[in-house]
């Protein structure tokens, strides 16, 4: 009888230890609460399925800067997505291994947790599915996820981080993609001068205020809301990329009316993300605004905003200067430095 009682006590103790271990994993890797700014849209529905955690984000940040993702170990995500450039790279088109030139301009990555689409053509709806694209693209990393895993699977630091983030050392494609997405979900920019004005902490200058008024009249229908994009796809008559692989949103949907339509980019931190356009058609903000004023290219699916207004957005020189002054209030210096 004593032997039976002893066995039962040992079983209970083992169960208790097992529960404690499970709790420790949960306690040691707490969820990170995203600070959602006032007025921002709802989170992407996939965020709730992959909530950022302490070690998930730490792992994702390390993987984001991992050059072994590329075939020749020279290119990481952070090579093209440079934080001081609001995670853009300053090039007209992305540059991959061996100096290969990509199809499109490197987009900034900020406030991705609130976005419905990713990439210029919206080819990805879930951030966890996006990292594979640069890994396998010939002009970018030209590798494979299995090759990446083969390079890092014996790395003691990664083994430790995967264990802390996911409970064991097993390195899988799903875990790699999830952790990178967790890191990217935390990249929230909402502390620009514009945001401080909204919080009544500072005031616009006269030029910035006039620029904001011009923006509301002539730009806000596309660059709407606190993300400064309505997340729509539009053909706004920009110069066309002559690469035959390019078709904009039409590349994804196959619908002729989507030809050369691209996702409206955010204007947050726009001061730091030049050149502008899907393949860096414009060197600076002045060039973009002058192009709108002078008249855009016509097209059968040209957005009605241009189609119905003589293919242009008329602006005086004063309005242009004030508009640029306002757009610079969307710069978030803390976001660029952290």
Protein backbone atom coordinates (compact mmCIF):
# COMPACT_ATOMS: atom_id res chain seq x y z
CA UNK A 1 0.00 0.00 0.00
CA UNK A 2 2.83 2.40 0.88
CA UNK A 3 4.47 1.59 -2.47
CA UNK A 4 1.26 2.49 -4.31
CA UNK A 5 0.92 5.78 -2.42
CA UNK A 6 4.57 6.57 -3.17
CA UNK A 7 4.01 6.00 -6.88
CA UNK A 8 0.93 8.23 -6.83
CA UNK A 9 2.85 11.01 -5.08
CA UNK A 10 5.68 10.77 -7.63
CA UNK A 11 3.14 10.89 -10.45
CA UNK A 12 1.50 13.99 -9.00
CA UNK A 13 4.90 15.61 -8.51
CA UNK A 14 5.88 14.85 -12.10
CA UNK A 15 2.61 16.29 -13.38
CA UNK A 16 3.13 19.38 -11.25
CA UNK A 17 6.66 19.86 -12.59
CA UNK A 18 5.40 19.40 -16.13
CA UNK A 19 2.76 22.08 -15.62
CA UNK A 20 5.33 24.36 -14.05
CA UNK A 21 7.61 23.95 -17.09
CA UNK A 22 4.74 24.82 -19.41
CA UNK A 23 3.92 27.86 -17.33
CA UNK A 24 7.57 28.90 -17.30
CA UNK A 25 7.69 28.91 -21.10
CA UNK A 26 4.62 31.12 -21.14
CA UNK A 27 5.89 33.41 -18.39
CA UNK A 28 9.42 33.65 -19.81
CA UNK A 29 8.17 34.56 -23.27
CA UNK A 30 5.38 37.05 -22.64
CA UNK A 31 3.33 38.65 -25.37
CA UNK A 32 4.35 42.17 -26.35
CA UNK A 33 1.47 44.58 -26.24
CA UNK A 34 1.31 46.67 -29.41
CA UNK A 35 0.74 50.33 -28.66
CA UNK A 36 -2.01 51.11 -31.18
CA UNK A 37 -2.10 54.86 -31.85
CA UNK A 38 -5.35 56.79 -31.71
CA UNK A 39 -7.21 56.83 -35.00
CA UNK A 40 -5.28 53.97 -36.58
CA UNK A 41 -7.30 51.26 -38.36
CA UNK A 42 -7.84 47.79 -36.94
CA UNK A 43 -4.97 45.34 -36.91
CA UNK A 44 -4.60 42.94 -39.81
CA UNK A 45 -6.64 39.85 -38.93
CA UNK A 46 -3.54 37.63 -39.02
CA UNK A 47 -1.82 39.48 -36.16
CA UNK A 48 -4.06 37.72 -33.62
CA UNK A 49 -2.79 34.38 -34.95
CA UNK A 50 0.85 35.34 -34.47
CA UNK A 51 1.02 37.76 -31.56
CA UNK A 52 4.47 39.24 -30.97
CA UNK A 53 6.33 37.81 -27.99
CA UNK A 54 9.53 38.86 -26.25
CA UNK A 55 11.73 36.19 -27.80
CA UNK A 56 9.75 35.86 -31.01
CA UNK A 57 10.53 39.51 -31.75
CA UNK A 58 14.16 39.14 -30.65
CA UNK A 59 14.56 36.15 -32.95
CA UNK A 60 12.78 37.91 -35.80
CA UNK A 61 15.01 40.96 -35.48
CA UNK A 62 18.12 38.77 -35.64
CA UNK A 63 16.81 36.87 -38.65
CA UNK A 64 15.94 40.18 -40.32
CA UNK A 65 19.67 41.00 -40.34
CA UNK A 66 20.84 37.49 -41.24
CA UNK A 67 22.97 37.57 -44.41
CA UNK A 68 22.96 33.78 -44.65
CA UNK A 69 19.46 34.15 -46.09
CA UNK A 70 21.12 34.92 -49.42
CA UNK A 71 22.92 32.45 -51.66
CA UNK A 72 26.31 34.13 -51.23
CA UNK A 73 25.81 35.31 -47.63
CA UNK A 74 25.94 39.01 -48.56
CA UNK A 75 22.31 40.19 -48.41
CA UNK A 76 19.86 40.28 -45.50
CA UNK A 77 16.43 41.86 -45.17
CA UNK A 78 18.06 44.80 -43.41
CA UNK A 79 20.45 45.34 -46.32
CA UNK A 80 17.56 46.73 -48.35
CA UNK A 81 15.31 47.80 -45.48
CA UNK A 82 17.50 50.33 -43.68
CA UNK A 83 16.01 51.77 -40.51
CA UNK A 84 17.31 55.33 -40.92
CA UNK A 85 15.58 55.35 -44.32
CA UNK A 86 12.29 54.23 -42.74
CA UNK A 87 13.36 50.75 -43.86
CA UNK A 88 13.75 51.73 -47.52
CA UNK A 89 17.19 51.69 -49.21
CA UNK A 90 17.68 54.88 -51.22
CA UNK A 91 17.95 53.06 -54.56
CA UNK A 92 15.60 53.41 -57.50
CA UNK A 93 15.22 49.63 -57.62
CA UNK A 94 16.23 46.99 -55.11
CA UNK A 95 19.77 45.62 -55.44
CA UNK A 96 20.31 41.96 -54.62
CA UNK A 97 23.27 39.59 -54.64
CA UNK A 98 26.05 40.22 -57.16
CA UNK A 99 24.58 43.66 -57.85
CA UNK A 100 21.47 42.27 -59.54
CA UNK A 101 18.80 44.91 -60.10
CA UNK A 102 15.27 44.07 -59.00
CA UNK A 103 12.00 44.90 -60.70
CA UNK A 104 10.79 47.48 -58.19
CA UNK A 105 11.69 50.10 -55.64
CA UNK A 106 12.17 48.83 -52.08
CA UNK A 107 9.09 49.94 -50.09
CA UNK A 108 9.37 51.28 -46.58
CA UNK A 109 8.13 48.92 -43.88
CA UNK A 110 6.24 50.62 -41.08
CA UNK A 111 2.82 50.11 -39.53
CA UNK A 112 2.58 46.77 -41.35
CA UNK A 113 0.36 45.36 -38.61
CA UNK A 114 -2.43 47.59 -39.93
CA UNK A 115 -2.01 46.85 -43.63
CA UNK A 116 -4.33 44.63 -45.68
CA UNK A 117 -1.90 44.02 -48.54
CA UNK A 118 1.86 43.68 -48.90
CA UNK A 119 4.18 44.38 -51.85
CA UNK A 120 3.54 46.99 -54.53
CA UNK A 121 1.02 44.74 -56.24
CA UNK A 122 -0.63 43.39 -53.07
CA UNK A 123 0.43 39.85 -53.90
CA UNK A 124 0.55 38.91 -50.21
CA UNK A 125 -2.30 39.30 -47.73
CA UNK A 126 -0.43 37.79 -44.79
CA UNK A 127 2.88 39.16 -43.58
CA UNK A 128 4.05 35.69 -42.59
CA UNK A 129 3.97 34.69 -46.28
CA UNK A 130 6.04 37.63 -47.49
CA UNK A 131 9.66 36.82 -46.42
CA UNK A 132 9.88 33.86 -48.78
CA UNK A 133 9.57 36.19 -51.78
CA UNK A 134 12.99 37.90 -51.46
CA UNK A 135 14.63 34.64 -50.38
CA UNK A 136 13.75 32.80 -53.58
CA UNK A 137 13.78 35.73 -56.03
CA UNK A 138 16.75 35.54 -58.44
CA UNK A 139 17.36 39.30 -58.34
CA UNK A 140 17.30 39.42 -54.55
CA UNK A 141 18.64 36.59 -52.37
CA UNK A 142 18.41 33.75 -54.91
CA UNK A 143 18.27 31.05 -52.24
CA UNK A 144 15.70 28.70 -50.70
CA UNK A 145 14.28 28.37 -47.22
CA UNK A 146 15.77 24.88 -46.89
CA UNK A 147 19.19 26.25 -47.80
CA UNK A 148 18.76 28.96 -45.16
CA UNK A 149 17.83 26.41 -42.50
CA UNK A 150 20.83 24.29 -43.47
CA UNK A 151 23.12 27.26 -42.79
CA UNK A 152 21.75 28.21 -39.37
CA UNK A 153 20.50 24.91 -37.90
CA UNK A 154 23.71 24.26 -35.94
CA UNK A 155 24.10 27.84 -34.73
CA UNK A 156 23.97 27.74 -30.91
CA UNK A 157 22.54 31.26 -30.64
CA UNK A 158 19.67 30.42 -32.98
CA UNK A 159 19.00 27.12 -31.19
CA UNK A 160 18.67 29.01 -27.91
CA UNK A 161 16.38 31.69 -29.41
CA UNK A 162 14.11 29.20 -31.18
CA UNK A 163 13.78 27.31 -27.90
CA UNK A 164 12.92 30.48 -26.00
CA UNK A 165 10.49 31.63 -28.68
CA UNK A 166 8.77 28.36 -29.54
CA UNK A 167 9.56 25.87 -26.76
CA UNK A 168 12.21 23.75 -28.50
CA UNK A 169 15.22 24.13 -30.80
CA UNK A 170 13.48 22.93 -33.95
CA UNK A 171 14.08 25.42 -36.79
CA UNK A 172 11.28 25.33 -39.35
CA UNK A 173 10.20 27.60 -42.23
CA UNK A 174 6.98 28.44 -40.40
CA UNK A 175 8.83 29.55 -37.28
CA UNK A 176 11.27 31.65 -39.30
CA UNK A 177 8.46 33.44 -41.10
CA UNK A 178 6.41 33.91 -37.94
CA UNK A 179 9.26 35.44 -35.96
CA UNK A 180 10.21 37.88 -38.74
CA UNK A 181 6.55 38.94 -38.97
CA UNK A 182 6.41 39.39 -35.18
CA UNK A 183 9.37 41.77 -35.37
CA UNK A 184 7.81 43.67 -38.26
CA UNK A 185 4.49 43.98 -36.43
CA UNK A 186 6.28 46.02 -33.76
CA UNK A 187 7.52 48.62 -36.28
CA UNK A 188 4.89 51.24 -35.53
CA UNK A 189 5.57 54.86 -36.48
CA UNK A 190 3.22 57.41 -34.93
CA UNK A 191 5.29 60.04 -33.18
CA UNK A 192 5.94 62.59 -35.91
CA UNK A 193 5.34 66.32 -35.59
CA UNK A 194 1.95 65.70 -37.23
CA UNK A 195 1.07 63.28 -34.43
CA UNK A 196 2.26 65.74 -31.80
CA UNK A 197 0.11 68.46 -33.34
CA UNK A 198 -2.88 66.13 -33.11
CA UNK A 199 -2.06 65.57 -29.44
CA UNK A 200 -1.87 69.37 -28.92
CA UNK A 201 1.79 69.14 -27.91
CA UNK A 202 3.12 71.43 -30.66
CA UNK A 203 1.74 73.55 -33.50
CA UNK A 204 2.24 73.65 -37.25
CA UNK A 205 4.12 76.56 -38.75
CA UNK A 206 2.09 78.76 -41.11
CA UNK A 207 3.61 76.99 -44.12
CA UNK A 208 2.92 73.51 -42.68
CA UNK A 209 -0.67 74.44 -41.87
CA UNK A 210 -1.29 75.76 -45.37
CA UNK A 211 0.33 72.62 -46.75
CA UNK A 212 -1.97 70.48 -44.62
CA UNK A 213 -4.97 72.35 -46.00
CA UNK A 214 -3.76 71.80 -49.57
CA UNK A 215 -3.15 68.14 -48.73
CA UNK A 216 -6.71 67.76 -47.46
CA UNK A 217 -8.07 69.29 -50.65
CA UNK A 218 -5.91 67.58 -53.24
CA UNK A 219 -4.20 64.49 -51.80
CA UNK A 220 -6.21 63.01 -48.94
CA UNK A 221 -8.62 61.02 -51.10
CA UNK A 222 -5.81 58.53 -51.83
CA UNK A 223 -3.45 59.15 -48.90
CA UNK A 224 -6.26 58.79 -46.42
CA UNK A 225 -6.45 58.20 -42.69
CA UNK A 226 -3.68 57.95 -40.13
CA UNK A 227 -1.69 55.55 -42.31
CA UNK A 228 -1.78 58.15 -45.10
CA UNK A 229 -2.89 55.51 -47.58
CA UNK A 230 -6.33 54.14 -48.36
CA UNK A 231 -4.58 50.86 -49.30
CA UNK A 232 -6.20 50.88 -52.73
CA UNK A 233 -4.58 50.04 -56.07
CA UNK A 234 -4.62 52.78 -58.68
CA UNK A 235 -3.09 53.72 -61.99
CA UNK A 236 -2.09 57.34 -61.45
CA UNK A 237 -0.27 57.80 -64.74
CA UNK A 238 3.31 57.51 -63.55
CA UNK A 239 6.04 56.75 -66.11
CA UNK A 240 5.86 53.05 -66.96
CA UNK A 241 8.49 50.46 -66.13
CA UNK A 242 9.45 49.00 -69.50
CA UNK A 243 10.40 45.65 -68.00
CA UNK A 244 8.03 43.14 -69.62
CA UNK A 245 7.60 41.37 -66.27
CA UNK A 246 5.80 44.41 -64.88
CA UNK A 247 2.02 44.75 -64.93
CA UNK A 248 1.33 46.13 -61.48
CA UNK A 249 -1.75 44.76 -59.75
CA UNK A 250 -2.67 43.10 -63.05
CA UNK A 251 0.27 40.77 -62.49
CA UNK A 252 -1.63 39.33 -59.53
CA UNK A 253 -5.25 39.46 -60.66
CA UNK A 254 -4.91 39.03 -64.41
CA UNK A 255 -7.59 41.69 -64.85
CA UNK A 256 -6.83 44.22 -67.63
CA UNK A 257 -8.27 47.10 -65.60
CA UNK A 258 -5.60 46.44 -62.96
CA UNK A 259 -2.73 46.92 -65.43
CA UNK A 260 -0.05 49.20 -63.97
CA UNK A 261 -2.11 49.87 -60.86
CA UNK A 262 -0.06 49.91 -57.68
CA UNK A 263 -0.77 50.09 -53.96
CA UNK A 264 -0.97 53.67 -52.73
CA UNK A 265 2.12 54.08 -50.52
CA UNK A 266 2.05 55.62 -47.09
CA UNK A 267 3.36 59.16 -46.76
CA UNK A 268 4.66 58.59 -43.25
CA UNK A 269 8.43 59.24 -43.16
CA UNK A 270 8.22 60.11 -46.87
CA UNK A 271 11.09 62.57 -46.38
CA UNK A 272 13.49 59.64 -45.97
CA UNK A 273 12.26 57.13 -48.56
CA UNK A 274 13.35 58.69 -51.88
CA UNK A 275 13.42 57.87 -54.72
CA UNK A 276 9.68 57.54 -55.26
CA UNK A 277 7.42 55.42 -57.45
CA UNK A 278 7.19 51.69 -58.10
CA UNK A 279 10.62 51.66 -59.74
CA UNK A 280 12.04 54.89 -58.38
CA UNK A 281 10.88 57.12 -61.22
CA UNK A 282 11.25 60.31 -59.17
CA UNK A 283 14.39 61.43 -57.37
CA UNK A 284 12.69 63.75 -54.88
CA UNK A 285 9.36 65.10 -53.67
CA UNK A 286 9.61 68.17 -55.88
CA UNK A 287 9.80 65.91 -58.97
CA UNK A 288 6.66 64.00 -57.97
CA UNK A 289 4.63 67.12 -57.27
CA UNK A 290 5.78 68.84 -60.46
CA UNK A 291 4.79 65.75 -62.43
CA UNK A 292 1.29 65.85 -60.99
CA UNK A 293 1.03 69.54 -61.81
CA UNK A 294 2.33 69.19 -65.37
CA UNK A 295 0.11 66.22 -66.21
CA UNK A 296 0.38 62.44 -65.94
CA UNK A 297 0.36 59.75 -68.62
CA UNK A 298 -3.05 58.85 -69.97
CA UNK A 299 -4.34 55.28 -69.78
CA UNK A 300 -7.63 53.48 -70.22
CA UNK A 301 -7.69 52.71 -66.51
CA UNK A 302 -6.26 56.02 -65.34
CA UNK A 303 -7.72 56.83 -61.94
CA UNK A 304 -10.82 59.08 -62.17
CA UNK A 305 -9.16 61.66 -59.93
CA UNK A 306 -6.87 62.38 -62.87
CA UNK A 307 -9.10 61.24 -65.73
CA UNK A 308 -11.83 63.72 -64.80
CA UNK A 309 -9.48 66.62 -64.10
CA UNK A 310 -7.36 67.01 -67.20
CA UNK A 311 -4.89 64.32 -66.07
CA UNK A 312 -3.32 66.61 -63.48
CA UNK A 313 -3.43 68.05 -59.98
CA UNK A 314 -2.90 71.78 -60.48
CA UNK A 315 -0.67 73.37 -57.87
CA UNK A 316 0.89 76.80 -57.49
CA UNK A 317 4.55 77.08 -56.51
CA UNK A 318 3.50 78.24 -53.04
CA UNK A 319 1.17 75.26 -52.67
CA UNK A 320 3.98 72.92 -53.71
CA UNK A 321 6.38 74.35 -51.15
CA UNK A 322 3.78 74.26 -48.39
CA UNK A 323 2.74 70.72 -49.31
CA UNK A 324 6.32 69.51 -48.97
CA UNK A 325 6.62 71.34 -45.66
CA UNK A 326 3.56 69.47 -44.41
CA UNK A 327 4.77 66.10 -45.65
CA UNK A 328 7.98 66.57 -43.70
CA UNK A 329 5.91 66.84 -40.51
CA UNK A 330 5.18 63.13 -41.05
CA UNK A 331 8.80 62.27 -40.21
CA UNK A 332 9.22 60.28 -37.02
CA UNK A 333 12.85 60.65 -35.87
CA UNK A 334 12.45 58.22 -32.97
CA UNK A 335 11.24 55.51 -35.32
CA UNK A 336 14.29 55.99 -37.52
CA UNK A 337 16.68 55.66 -34.59
CA UNK A 338 15.26 52.93 -32.36
